Amino acid sequence: MATPDYVENPTQQPPLTGPAEEAGDGVRRRDFINIAALSFAGVGAATVLIPLVNQMNPSADVLALASIEVDLSKIAPGQAIKTMWRKQPVFIRNLTPKEIGEANAVPLSALRDPQTLADRTKEGHINWLITLGVCTHLGCVPLGAGEGEAKGDFGGYFCPCHGSHYDTAARVRKGPAPLNLQVPEYAFKSDTVVQIG
């Protein structure tokens, strides 16, 4: 009896052909379509969301007011000016040595909101006091920065709305205001120029 040229091995599987092979390719095509659809949806969502989020950013005019520079060279000792920053008044006062001495002589125990003059000014520029010109009671603008305005009982600022008095370091000394005038963030660009904000 002759031996056959081909012996069938029952454990060996014939190579895939026909519909089974096409099913494997179909899975790959389906994955590609899903990935493409998700990518398209992601790009579409980003296209819609970016303008919506961007509209919440501050406008150019607000960003322009985010910081201001003020020339201090024309402010004489003992004089104060009022400027505007972020639509709020800012008082800049060039303290005299006498005013500095008076502020430093006040014991912290006598203050409602205890802060030294050094806490409220920058090192090396203790004569420059920069505060927001907004009373901490109800938001009125105190007097004392302009020429001839009432400076209150302590030579600083006086709020005409409810009678709060601030000393030369803009610390509350009398009246309903609970806190000192707020010191904004600022930095000296030179000896005569300060950047607020």
N, C-alpha and C. Protein backbone atom coordinates (compact mmCIF):
# COMPACT_ATOMS: atom_id res chain seq x y z
N MET A 1 0.84 -1.16 0.00
CA MET A 1 0.00 0.00 0.00
C MET A 1 0.89 1.23 0.00
N ALA A 2 0.51 2.15 -0.77
CA ALA A 2 1.32 3.38 -0.91
C ALA A 2 0.97 4.38 0.17
N THR A 3 2.00 5.05 0.67
CA THR A 3 1.75 6.11 1.68
C THR A 3 1.32 7.40 0.99
N PRO A 4 0.33 8.04 1.57
CA PRO A 4 -0.12 9.29 0.94
C PRO A 4 0.95 10.37 1.10
N ASP A 5 1.00 11.24 0.07
CA ASP A 5 1.96 12.37 0.13
C ASP A 5 1.58 13.36 1.24
N TYR A 6 0.34 13.43 1.58
CA TYR A 6 -0.11 14.41 2.57
C TYR A 6 -0.79 13.69 3.70
N VAL A 7 -0.24 13.87 4.91
CA VAL A 7 -0.88 13.27 6.08
C VAL A 7 -1.58 14.39 6.82
N GLU A 8 -2.83 14.21 7.04
CA GLU A 8 -3.61 15.27 7.70
C GLU A 8 -3.33 15.23 9.19
N ASN A 9 -2.98 16.38 9.75
CA ASN A 9 -2.76 16.52 11.19
C ASN A 9 -4.02 17.11 11.79
N PRO A 10 -4.70 16.36 12.64
CA PRO A 10 -5.97 16.85 13.15
C PRO A 10 -5.81 18.08 14.04
N THR A 11 -4.62 18.34 14.63
CA THR A 11 -4.46 19.51 15.51
C THR A 11 -4.11 20.77 14.73
N GLN A 12 -3.75 20.65 13.50
CA GLN A 12 -3.36 21.82 12.72
C GLN A 12 -4.59 22.42 12.08
N GLN A 13 -4.76 23.74 12.23
CA GLN A 13 -5.90 24.45 11.66
C GLN A 13 -5.51 24.99 10.30
N PRO A 14 -6.39 24.90 9.36
CA PRO A 14 -6.10 25.47 8.06
C PRO A 14 -6.08 27.00 8.15
N PRO A 15 -5.33 27.68 7.30
CA PRO A 15 -5.30 29.14 7.33
C PRO A 15 -6.68 29.72 7.07
N LEU A 16 -6.95 30.89 7.71
CA LEU A 16 -8.25 31.53 7.58
C LEU A 16 -8.39 32.14 6.20
N THR A 17 -9.48 31.88 5.61
CA THR A 17 -9.82 32.49 4.32
C THR A 17 -11.31 32.73 4.31
N GLY A 18 -11.72 33.64 3.50
CA GLY A 18 -13.15 33.87 3.34
C GLY A 18 -13.72 34.77 4.43
N PRO A 19 -14.95 34.48 4.90
CA PRO A 19 -15.67 35.37 5.82
C PRO A 19 -14.96 35.58 7.16
N ALA A 20 -14.27 34.56 7.70
CA ALA A 20 -13.59 34.73 8.99
C ALA A 20 -12.47 35.76 8.87
N GLU A 21 -11.73 35.75 7.78
CA GLU A 21 -10.65 36.71 7.58
C GLU A 21 -11.23 38.12 7.43
N GLU A 22 -12.32 38.25 6.71
CA GLU A 22 -12.95 39.56 6.53
C GLU A 22 -13.46 40.10 7.85
N ALA A 23 -13.92 39.24 8.76
CA ALA A 23 -14.40 39.70 10.06
C ALA A 23 -13.26 40.35 10.84
N GLY A 24 -12.05 39.80 10.76
CA GLY A 24 -10.90 40.42 11.44
C GLY A 24 -10.60 41.79 10.87
N ASP A 25 -10.65 41.96 9.57
CA ASP A 25 -10.44 43.27 8.96
C ASP A 25 -11.56 44.22 9.34
N GLY A 26 -12.77 43.73 9.48
CA GLY A 26 -13.92 44.56 9.83
C GLY A 26 -13.75 45.18 11.21
N VAL A 27 -13.18 44.43 12.15
CA VAL A 27 -12.95 44.97 13.49
C VAL A 27 -11.96 46.13 13.41
N ARG A 28 -10.94 45.97 12.62
CA ARG A 28 -9.97 47.04 12.48
C ARG A 28 -10.60 48.27 11.82
N ARG A 29 -11.42 48.08 10.84
CA ARG A 29 -12.09 49.20 10.18
C ARG A 29 -13.03 49.91 11.15
N ARG A 30 -13.73 49.14 11.97
CA ARG A 30 -14.66 49.70 12.94
C ARG A 30 -13.90 50.54 13.98
N ASP A 31 -12.75 50.03 14.46
CA ASP A 31 -11.92 50.80 15.40
C ASP A 31 -11.49 52.13 14.79
N PHE A 32 -11.07 52.07 13.54
CA PHE A 32 -10.65 53.30 12.87
C PHE A 32 -11.80 54.31 12.77
N ILE A 33 -12.98 53.82 12.44
CA ILE A 33 -14.14 54.72 12.32
C ILE A 33 -14.48 55.32 13.68
N ASN A 34 -14.42 54.51 14.74
CA ASN A 34 -14.69 55.03 16.09
C ASN A 34 -13.67 56.10 16.49
N ILE A 35 -12.41 55.82 16.26
CA ILE A 35 -11.36 56.78 16.61
C ILE A 35 -11.52 58.06 15.80
N ALA A 36 -11.81 57.93 14.52
CA ALA A 36 -12.00 59.11 13.67
C ALA A 36 -13.20 59.93 14.13
N ALA A 37 -14.30 59.26 14.49
CA ALA A 37 -15.50 59.96 14.95
C ALA A 37 -15.24 60.69 16.27
N LEU A 38 -14.56 60.03 17.20
CA LEU A 38 -14.24 60.67 18.48
C LEU A 38 -13.30 61.86 18.28
N SER A 39 -12.33 61.71 17.39
CA SER A 39 -11.41 62.82 17.12
C SER A 39 -12.17 64.00 16.52
N PHE A 40 -13.05 63.72 15.59
CA PHE A 40 -13.85 64.77 14.96
C PHE A 40 -14.71 65.48 16.01
N ALA A 41 -15.33 64.69 16.91
CA ALA A 41 -16.16 65.27 17.98
C ALA A 41 -15.31 66.11 18.93
N GLY A 42 -14.10 65.65 19.25
CA GLY A 42 -13.21 66.41 20.13
C GLY A 42 -12.80 67.73 19.52
N VAL A 43 -12.46 67.72 18.24
CA VAL A 43 -12.09 68.97 17.55
C VAL A 43 -13.28 69.91 17.52
N GLY A 44 -14.47 69.37 17.26
CA GLY A 44 -15.68 70.19 17.23
C GLY A 44 -15.97 70.81 18.59
N ALA A 45 -15.83 70.02 19.66
CA ALA A 45 -16.06 70.54 21.01
C ALA A 45 -15.07 71.63 21.36
N ALA A 46 -13.80 71.42 21.01
CA ALA A 46 -12.78 72.44 21.27
C ALA A 46 -13.07 73.71 20.50
N THR A 47 -13.54 73.58 19.26
CA THR A 47 -13.86 74.74 18.44
C THR A 47 -14.99 75.55 19.06
N VAL A 48 -15.92 74.89 19.69
CA VAL A 48 -17.04 75.58 20.33
C VAL A 48 -16.63 76.14 21.70
N LEU A 49 -15.87 75.37 22.49
CA LEU A 49 -15.56 75.77 23.86
C LEU A 49 -14.51 76.87 23.96
N ILE A 50 -13.53 76.89 23.07
CA ILE A 50 -12.46 77.89 23.19
C ILE A 50 -13.01 79.32 23.14
N PRO A 51 -13.88 79.68 22.19
CA PRO A 51 -14.42 81.05 22.22
C PRO A 51 -15.28 81.32 23.46
N LEU A 52 -16.01 80.30 23.93
CA LEU A 52 -16.83 80.51 25.13
C LEU A 52 -15.98 80.79 26.36
N VAL A 53 -14.90 80.04 26.52
CA VAL A 53 -14.00 80.26 27.65
C VAL A 53 -13.25 81.58 27.47
N ASN A 54 -12.83 81.88 26.26
CA ASN A 54 -12.07 83.10 25.99
C ASN A 54 -12.86 84.36 26.29
N GLN A 55 -14.18 84.31 26.11
CA GLN A 55 -14.99 85.50 26.37
C GLN A 55 -15.03 85.84 27.86
N MET A 56 -14.68 84.89 28.73
CA MET A 56 -14.66 85.15 30.17
C MET A 56 -13.37 85.83 30.63
N ASN A 57 -12.36 85.91 29.76
CA ASN A 57 -11.12 86.61 30.11
C ASN A 57 -11.38 88.10 30.22
N PRO A 58 -10.58 88.83 31.02
CA PRO A 58 -10.77 90.27 31.13
C PRO A 58 -10.53 90.96 29.78
N SER A 59 -11.28 92.03 29.57
CA SER A 59 -11.14 92.76 28.31
C SER A 59 -9.83 93.55 28.30
N ALA A 60 -9.48 94.07 27.14
CA ALA A 60 -8.20 94.77 26.98
C ALA A 60 -8.14 96.02 27.86
N ASP A 61 -9.26 96.73 28.01
CA ASP A 61 -9.22 97.94 28.85
C ASP A 61 -9.02 97.60 30.32
N VAL A 62 -9.55 96.45 30.75
CA VAL A 62 -9.33 96.02 32.15
C VAL A 62 -7.89 95.58 32.34
N LEU A 63 -7.34 94.84 31.38
CA LEU A 63 -5.94 94.42 31.49
C LEU A 63 -5.00 95.61 31.50
N ALA A 64 -5.35 96.66 30.76
CA ALA A 64 -4.51 97.86 30.73
C ALA A 64 -4.46 98.52 32.09
N LEU A 65 -5.53 98.39 32.87
CA LEU A 65 -5.58 98.99 34.20
C LEU A 65 -5.08 98.04 35.28
N ALA A 66 -4.63 96.85 34.89
CA ALA A 66 -4.18 95.88 35.89
C ALA A 66 -3.01 96.41 36.69
N SER A 67 -2.20 97.24 36.08
CA SER A 67 -1.11 97.90 36.82
C SER A 67 -0.89 99.28 36.21
N ILE A 68 -0.50 100.20 37.06
CA ILE A 68 -0.19 101.56 36.62
C ILE A 68 1.16 101.97 37.19
N GLU A 69 1.82 102.89 36.52
CA GLU A 69 3.06 103.46 37.03
C GLU A 69 2.81 104.92 37.39
N VAL A 70 3.32 105.33 38.53
CA VAL A 70 3.13 106.70 39.01
C VAL A 70 4.49 107.33 39.25
N ASP A 71 4.66 108.54 38.73
CA ASP A 71 5.88 109.32 38.94
C ASP A 71 5.76 110.04 40.28
N LEU A 72 6.66 109.77 41.20
CA LEU A 72 6.61 110.34 42.54
C LEU A 72 7.46 111.61 42.68
N SER A 73 8.17 111.98 41.64
CA SER A 73 9.14 113.06 41.76
C SER A 73 8.52 114.41 42.10
N LYS A 74 7.25 114.61 41.80
CA LYS A 74 6.62 115.92 42.04
C LYS A 74 5.83 115.98 43.34
N ILE A 75 5.87 114.91 44.14
CA ILE A 75 5.14 114.89 45.41
C ILE A 75 6.10 115.31 46.52
N ALA A 76 5.88 116.50 47.06
CA ALA A 76 6.76 117.05 48.10
C ALA A 76 6.51 116.34 49.43
N PRO A 77 7.48 116.34 50.34
CA PRO A 77 7.25 115.76 51.67
C PRO A 77 6.06 116.45 52.35
N GLY A 78 5.20 115.63 52.94
CA GLY A 78 4.00 116.14 53.59
C GLY A 78 2.81 116.25 52.65
N GLN A 79 3.04 116.02 51.37
CA GLN A 79 1.98 116.13 50.38
C GLN A 79 1.46 114.74 50.00
N ALA A 80 0.18 114.69 49.58
CA ALA A 80 -0.42 113.44 49.11
C ALA A 80 -1.14 113.71 47.80
N ILE A 81 -1.24 112.68 46.99
CA ILE A 81 -2.02 112.78 45.76
C ILE A 81 -3.01 111.63 45.72
N LYS A 82 -4.01 111.80 44.87
CA LYS A 82 -4.99 110.74 44.65
C LYS A 82 -4.92 110.37 43.18
N THR A 83 -4.81 109.07 42.89
CA THR A 83 -4.82 108.57 41.51
C THR A 83 -5.83 107.44 41.44
N MET A 84 -6.05 106.91 40.25
CA MET A 84 -7.03 105.83 40.07
C MET A 84 -6.33 104.56 39.59
N TRP A 85 -6.74 103.45 40.16
CA TRP A 85 -6.23 102.12 39.77
C TRP A 85 -7.38 101.14 39.89
N ARG A 86 -7.70 100.44 38.80
CA ARG A 86 -8.82 99.50 38.76
C ARG A 86 -10.12 100.15 39.22
N LYS A 87 -10.30 101.39 38.79
CA LYS A 87 -11.51 102.18 39.08
C LYS A 87 -11.67 102.46 40.57
N GLN A 88 -10.58 102.42 41.32
CA GLN A 88 -10.61 102.76 42.74
C GLN A 88 -9.58 103.84 43.01
N PRO A 89 -9.90 104.75 43.94
CA PRO A 89 -8.91 105.78 44.28
C PRO A 89 -7.75 105.19 45.07
N VAL A 90 -6.57 105.71 44.81
CA VAL A 90 -5.36 105.30 45.54
C VAL A 90 -4.70 106.57 46.08
N PHE A 91 -4.38 106.56 47.36
CA PHE A 91 -3.68 107.68 47.99
C PHE A 91 -2.19 107.37 48.05
N ILE A 92 -1.38 108.32 47.61
CA ILE A 92 0.08 108.20 47.71
C ILE A 92 0.56 109.39 48.51
N ARG A 93 1.17 109.13 49.65
CA ARG A 93 1.60 110.20 50.56
C ARG A 93 3.10 110.11 50.80
N ASN A 94 3.76 111.26 50.69
CA ASN A 94 5.18 111.38 50.99
C ASN A 94 5.27 111.89 52.43
N LEU A 95 5.52 110.98 53.36
CA LEU A 95 5.54 111.32 54.78
C LEU A 95 6.78 112.14 55.15
N THR A 96 6.57 113.11 56.02
CA THR A 96 7.69 113.89 56.56
C THR A 96 8.34 113.09 57.70
N PRO A 97 9.57 113.43 58.07
CA PRO A 97 10.18 112.76 59.24
C PRO A 97 9.32 112.90 60.49
N LYS A 98 8.65 114.04 60.65
CA LYS A 98 7.78 114.23 61.82
C LYS A 98 6.60 113.25 61.78
N GLU A 99 5.98 113.10 60.60
CA GLU A 99 4.85 112.17 60.47
C GLU A 99 5.30 110.72 60.70
N ILE A 100 6.48 110.39 60.22
CA ILE A 100 7.02 109.04 60.45
C ILE A 100 7.23 108.81 61.94
N GLY A 101 7.80 109.81 62.62
CA GLY A 101 8.02 109.70 64.06
C GLY A 101 6.72 109.55 64.83
N GLU A 102 5.69 110.33 64.44
CA GLU A 102 4.39 110.22 65.11
C GLU A 102 3.78 108.83 64.90
N ALA A 103 3.89 108.31 63.70
CA ALA A 103 3.33 106.99 63.41
C ALA A 103 4.06 105.90 64.19
N ASN A 104 5.37 106.01 64.28
CA ASN A 104 6.15 105.01 65.01
C ASN A 104 5.98 105.10 66.52
N ALA A 105 5.55 106.27 67.01
CA ALA A 105 5.39 106.46 68.45
C ALA A 105 4.10 105.85 68.98
N VAL A 106 3.17 105.52 68.12
CA VAL A 106 1.89 104.96 68.57
C VAL A 106 2.08 103.50 68.97
N PRO A 107 1.72 103.14 70.22
CA PRO A 107 1.85 101.73 70.63
C PRO A 107 0.82 100.86 69.89
N LEU A 108 1.22 99.67 69.50
CA LEU A 108 0.31 98.78 68.77
C LEU A 108 -0.93 98.44 69.58
N SER A 109 -0.81 98.46 70.90
CA SER A 109 -1.97 98.15 71.75
C SER A 109 -3.05 99.22 71.63
N ALA A 110 -2.71 100.40 71.14
CA ALA A 110 -3.69 101.48 70.99
C ALA A 110 -4.42 101.41 69.65
N LEU A 111 -4.06 100.45 68.82
CA LEU A 111 -4.64 100.37 67.48
C LEU A 111 -5.69 99.27 67.38
N ARG A 112 -6.76 99.56 66.68
CA ARG A 112 -7.82 98.57 66.44
C ARG A 112 -7.32 97.48 65.50
N ASP A 113 -6.55 97.87 64.49
CA ASP A 113 -5.97 96.94 63.52
C ASP A 113 -4.45 97.13 63.60
N PRO A 114 -3.78 96.41 64.53
CA PRO A 114 -2.36 96.70 64.81
C PRO A 114 -1.42 96.41 63.65
N GLN A 115 -0.81 97.48 63.14
CA GLN A 115 0.23 97.37 62.11
C GLN A 115 1.21 98.52 62.33
N THR A 116 2.48 98.22 62.18
CA THR A 116 3.48 99.29 62.26
C THR A 116 3.56 99.98 60.90
N LEU A 117 4.20 101.14 60.89
CA LEU A 117 4.41 101.85 59.63
C LEU A 117 5.28 101.00 58.70
N ALA A 118 6.25 100.30 59.27
CA ALA A 118 7.12 99.43 58.46
C ALA A 118 6.32 98.30 57.80
N ASP A 119 5.25 97.83 58.45
CA ASP A 119 4.39 96.79 57.86
C ASP A 119 3.64 97.32 56.64
N ARG A 120 3.43 98.63 56.60
CA ARG A 120 2.58 99.23 55.57
C ARG A 120 3.37 99.93 54.46
N THR A 121 4.69 99.92 54.57
CA THR A 121 5.54 100.55 53.55
C THR A 121 6.61 99.56 53.12
N LYS A 122 7.37 99.94 52.11
CA LYS A 122 8.46 99.09 51.62
C LYS A 122 9.77 99.50 52.28
N GLU A 123 10.62 98.52 52.53
CA GLU A 123 11.93 98.78 53.13
C GLU A 123 12.73 99.72 52.23
N GLY A 124 13.31 100.74 52.85
CA GLY A 124 14.08 101.73 52.11
C GLY A 124 13.23 102.85 51.55
N HIS A 125 11.90 102.70 51.64
CA HIS A 125 10.97 103.72 51.15
C HIS A 125 9.90 103.98 52.20
N ILE A 126 10.30 104.08 53.47
CA ILE A 126 9.34 104.21 54.57
C ILE A 126 8.55 105.51 54.48
N ASN A 127 9.07 106.49 53.74
CA ASN A 127 8.36 107.77 53.62
C ASN A 127 7.21 107.71 52.61
N TRP A 128 7.14 106.66 51.80
CA TRP A 128 6.07 106.54 50.80
C TRP A 128 4.99 105.60 51.30
N LEU A 129 3.82 106.18 51.61
CA LEU A 129 2.68 105.39 52.06
C LEU A 129 1.67 105.34 50.92
N ILE A 130 1.37 104.13 50.45
CA ILE A 130 0.45 103.93 49.33
C ILE A 130 -0.70 103.05 49.81
N THR A 131 -1.92 103.61 49.76
CA THR A 131 -3.10 102.88 50.23
C THR A 131 -4.25 103.09 49.26
N LEU A 132 -5.21 102.16 49.32
CA LEU A 132 -6.46 102.38 48.59
C LEU A 132 -7.23 103.47 49.31
N GLY A 133 -7.84 104.35 48.56
CA GLY A 133 -8.61 105.45 49.15
C GLY A 133 -10.06 105.07 49.36
N VAL A 134 -10.28 103.94 50.02
CA VAL A 134 -11.63 103.43 50.26
C VAL A 134 -11.75 103.10 51.74
N CYS A 135 -12.69 103.78 52.40
CA CYS A 135 -12.89 103.55 53.84
C CYS A 135 -13.32 102.10 54.05
N THR A 136 -12.78 101.47 55.05
CA THR A 136 -13.06 100.06 55.31
C THR A 136 -14.39 99.86 56.03
N HIS A 137 -15.11 100.93 56.29
CA HIS A 137 -16.42 100.79 56.92
C HIS A 137 -17.47 100.47 55.87
N LEU A 138 -17.78 101.44 54.98
CA LEU A 138 -18.79 101.20 53.96
C LEU A 138 -18.34 101.63 52.57
N GLY A 139 -17.05 101.86 52.39
CA GLY A 139 -16.53 102.11 51.05
C GLY A 139 -16.55 103.54 50.57
N CYS A 140 -16.74 104.51 51.45
CA CYS A 140 -16.66 105.92 51.05
C CYS A 140 -15.20 106.29 50.78
N VAL A 141 -14.99 107.44 50.13
CA VAL A 141 -13.64 107.92 49.86
C VAL A 141 -13.28 108.95 50.92
N PRO A 142 -12.29 108.67 51.77
CA PRO A 142 -11.91 109.62 52.82
C PRO A 142 -11.27 110.88 52.25
N LEU A 143 -11.31 111.93 53.04
CA LEU A 143 -10.64 113.19 52.72
C LEU A 143 -9.24 113.16 53.31
N GLY A 144 -8.38 114.04 52.81
CA GLY A 144 -7.04 114.17 53.38
C GLY A 144 -5.94 114.11 52.34
N ALA A 145 -6.25 113.65 51.13
CA ALA A 145 -5.22 113.57 50.10
C ALA A 145 -5.12 114.88 49.33
N GLY A 146 -6.22 115.61 49.24
CA GLY A 146 -6.23 116.86 48.48
C GLY A 146 -5.79 118.05 49.33
N GLU A 147 -5.37 119.10 48.64
CA GLU A 147 -4.93 120.33 49.31
C GLU A 147 -6.09 120.95 50.09
N GLY A 148 -5.90 121.19 51.37
CA GLY A 148 -6.90 121.85 52.21
C GLY A 148 -8.02 120.95 52.70
N GLU A 149 -7.98 119.65 52.41
CA GLU A 149 -9.03 118.75 52.88
C GLU A 149 -8.81 118.41 54.36
N ALA A 150 -9.91 118.11 55.04
CA ALA A 150 -9.83 117.71 56.45
C ALA A 150 -9.05 116.40 56.57
N LYS A 151 -8.11 116.37 57.51
CA LYS A 151 -7.28 115.19 57.71
C LYS A 151 -7.65 114.42 58.96
N GLY A 152 -8.68 114.84 59.66
CA GLY A 152 -9.12 114.13 60.86
C GLY A 152 -8.30 114.49 62.08
N ASP A 153 -8.63 113.86 63.18
CA ASP A 153 -8.00 114.15 64.46
C ASP A 153 -6.55 113.67 64.56
N PHE A 154 -6.12 112.80 63.63
CA PHE A 154 -4.79 112.20 63.75
C PHE A 154 -3.89 112.55 62.57
N GLY A 155 -4.29 113.55 61.77
CA GLY A 155 -3.44 114.07 60.70
C GLY A 155 -3.31 113.21 59.47
N GLY A 156 -4.15 112.19 59.32
CA GLY A 156 -4.07 111.31 58.15
C GLY A 156 -5.22 111.54 57.19
N TYR A 157 -6.29 110.79 57.41
CA TYR A 157 -7.47 110.86 56.55
C TYR A 157 -8.72 110.89 57.41
N PHE A 158 -9.78 111.47 56.85
CA PHE A 158 -11.06 111.56 57.55
C PHE A 158 -12.16 111.15 56.59
N CYS A 159 -12.99 110.18 57.00
CA CYS A 159 -14.11 109.75 56.17
C CYS A 159 -15.35 110.55 56.56
N PRO A 160 -15.86 111.38 55.65
CA PRO A 160 -16.99 112.23 55.99
C PRO A 160 -18.32 111.48 56.08
N CYS A 161 -18.39 110.27 55.59
CA CYS A 161 -19.65 109.53 55.60
C CYS A 161 -20.09 109.17 57.02
N HIS A 162 -19.18 108.56 57.79
CA HIS A 162 -19.55 108.11 59.13
C HIS A 162 -18.52 108.47 60.19
N GLY A 163 -17.55 109.32 59.83
CA GLY A 163 -16.65 109.88 60.84
C GLY A 163 -15.48 109.02 61.25
N SER A 164 -14.96 108.17 60.39
CA SER A 164 -13.76 107.41 60.74
C SER A 164 -12.53 108.30 60.55
N HIS A 165 -11.59 108.21 61.50
CA HIS A 165 -10.36 108.98 61.47
C HIS A 165 -9.18 108.02 61.32
N TYR A 166 -8.25 108.38 60.44
CA TYR A 166 -7.05 107.58 60.20
C TYR A 166 -5.83 108.44 60.50
N ASP A 167 -4.75 107.80 61.00
CA ASP A 167 -3.55 108.56 61.31
C ASP A 167 -2.65 108.70 60.08
N THR A 168 -1.43 109.20 60.27
CA THR A 168 -0.53 109.46 59.14
C THR A 168 -0.07 108.18 58.45
N ALA A 169 -0.24 107.03 59.11
CA ALA A 169 0.07 105.74 58.48
C ALA A 169 -1.18 105.08 57.92
N ALA A 170 -2.29 105.86 57.83
CA ALA A 170 -3.58 105.38 57.31
C ALA A 170 -4.14 104.23 58.12
N ARG A 171 -3.87 104.25 59.44
CA ARG A 171 -4.42 103.25 60.35
C ARG A 171 -5.64 103.85 61.04
N VAL A 172 -6.70 103.06 61.16
CA VAL A 172 -7.92 103.57 61.79
C VAL A 172 -7.66 103.82 63.27
N ARG A 173 -8.10 104.99 63.72
CA ARG A 173 -7.88 105.37 65.12
C ARG A 173 -9.20 105.69 65.83
N LYS A 174 -10.23 106.05 65.06
CA LYS A 174 -11.49 106.48 65.68
C LYS A 174 -12.60 106.31 64.65
N GLY A 175 -13.80 105.99 65.12
CA GLY A 175 -14.94 105.83 64.22
C GLY A 175 -15.27 104.38 63.95
N PRO A 176 -16.24 104.14 63.07
CA PRO A 176 -16.74 102.77 62.87
C PRO A 176 -15.90 101.88 61.96
N ALA A 177 -14.91 102.42 61.26
CA ALA A 177 -14.11 101.59 60.35
C ALA A 177 -13.42 100.48 61.12
N PRO A 178 -13.53 99.22 60.68
CA PRO A 178 -12.93 98.12 61.42
C PRO A 178 -11.44 97.90 61.13
N LEU A 179 -10.99 98.32 59.94
CA LEU A 179 -9.62 98.03 59.53
C LEU A 179 -8.93 99.27 59.00
N ASN A 180 -7.60 99.19 58.91
CA ASN A 180 -6.80 100.25 58.30
C ASN A 180 -7.11 100.33 56.81
N LEU A 181 -6.75 101.48 56.19
CA LEU A 181 -6.87 101.56 54.73
C LEU A 181 -5.97 100.49 54.13
N GLN A 182 -6.46 99.81 53.13
CA GLN A 182 -5.76 98.67 52.54
C GLN A 182 -4.55 99.14 51.72
N VAL A 183 -3.45 98.42 51.86
CA VAL A 183 -2.24 98.68 51.07
C VAL A 183 -2.27 97.75 49.85
N PRO A 184 -2.31 98.32 48.63
CA PRO A 184 -2.33 97.45 47.45
C PRO A 184 -0.95 96.87 47.18
N GLU A 185 -0.88 95.93 46.27
CA GLU A 185 0.41 95.37 45.86
C GLU A 185 1.12 96.41 45.00
N TYR A 186 2.35 96.72 45.33
CA TYR A 186 3.11 97.70 44.55
C TYR A 186 4.60 97.41 44.67
N ALA A 187 5.36 97.98 43.73
CA ALA A 187 6.82 97.80 43.73
C ALA A 187 7.45 99.05 43.14
N PHE A 188 8.60 99.41 43.67
CA PHE A 188 9.33 100.57 43.16
C PHE A 188 10.15 100.15 41.95
N LYS A 189 9.94 100.83 40.83
CA LYS A 189 10.71 100.60 39.62
C LYS A 189 12.03 101.38 39.67
N SER A 190 11.98 102.53 40.36
CA SER A 190 13.17 103.35 40.61
C SER A 190 12.86 104.17 41.85
N ASP A 191 13.74 105.10 42.20
CA ASP A 191 13.49 105.92 43.38
C ASP A 191 12.29 106.85 43.19
N THR A 192 11.94 107.13 41.95
CA THR A 192 10.85 108.08 41.69
C THR A 192 9.66 107.49 40.95
N VAL A 193 9.69 106.20 40.65
CA VAL A 193 8.57 105.57 39.91
C VAL A 193 8.12 104.33 40.67
N VAL A 194 6.82 104.26 40.90
CA VAL A 194 6.24 103.10 41.56
C VAL A 194 5.21 102.46 40.64
N GLN A 195 5.18 101.13 40.64
CA GLN A 195 4.17 100.39 39.87
C GLN A 195 3.19 99.79 40.84
N ILE A 196 1.92 100.13 40.66
CA ILE A 196 0.86 99.62 41.50
C ILE A 196 0.15 98.52 40.73
N GLY A 197 0.03 97.38 41.36
CA GLY A 197 -0.64 96.25 40.71
C GLY A 197 0.32 95.24 40.16
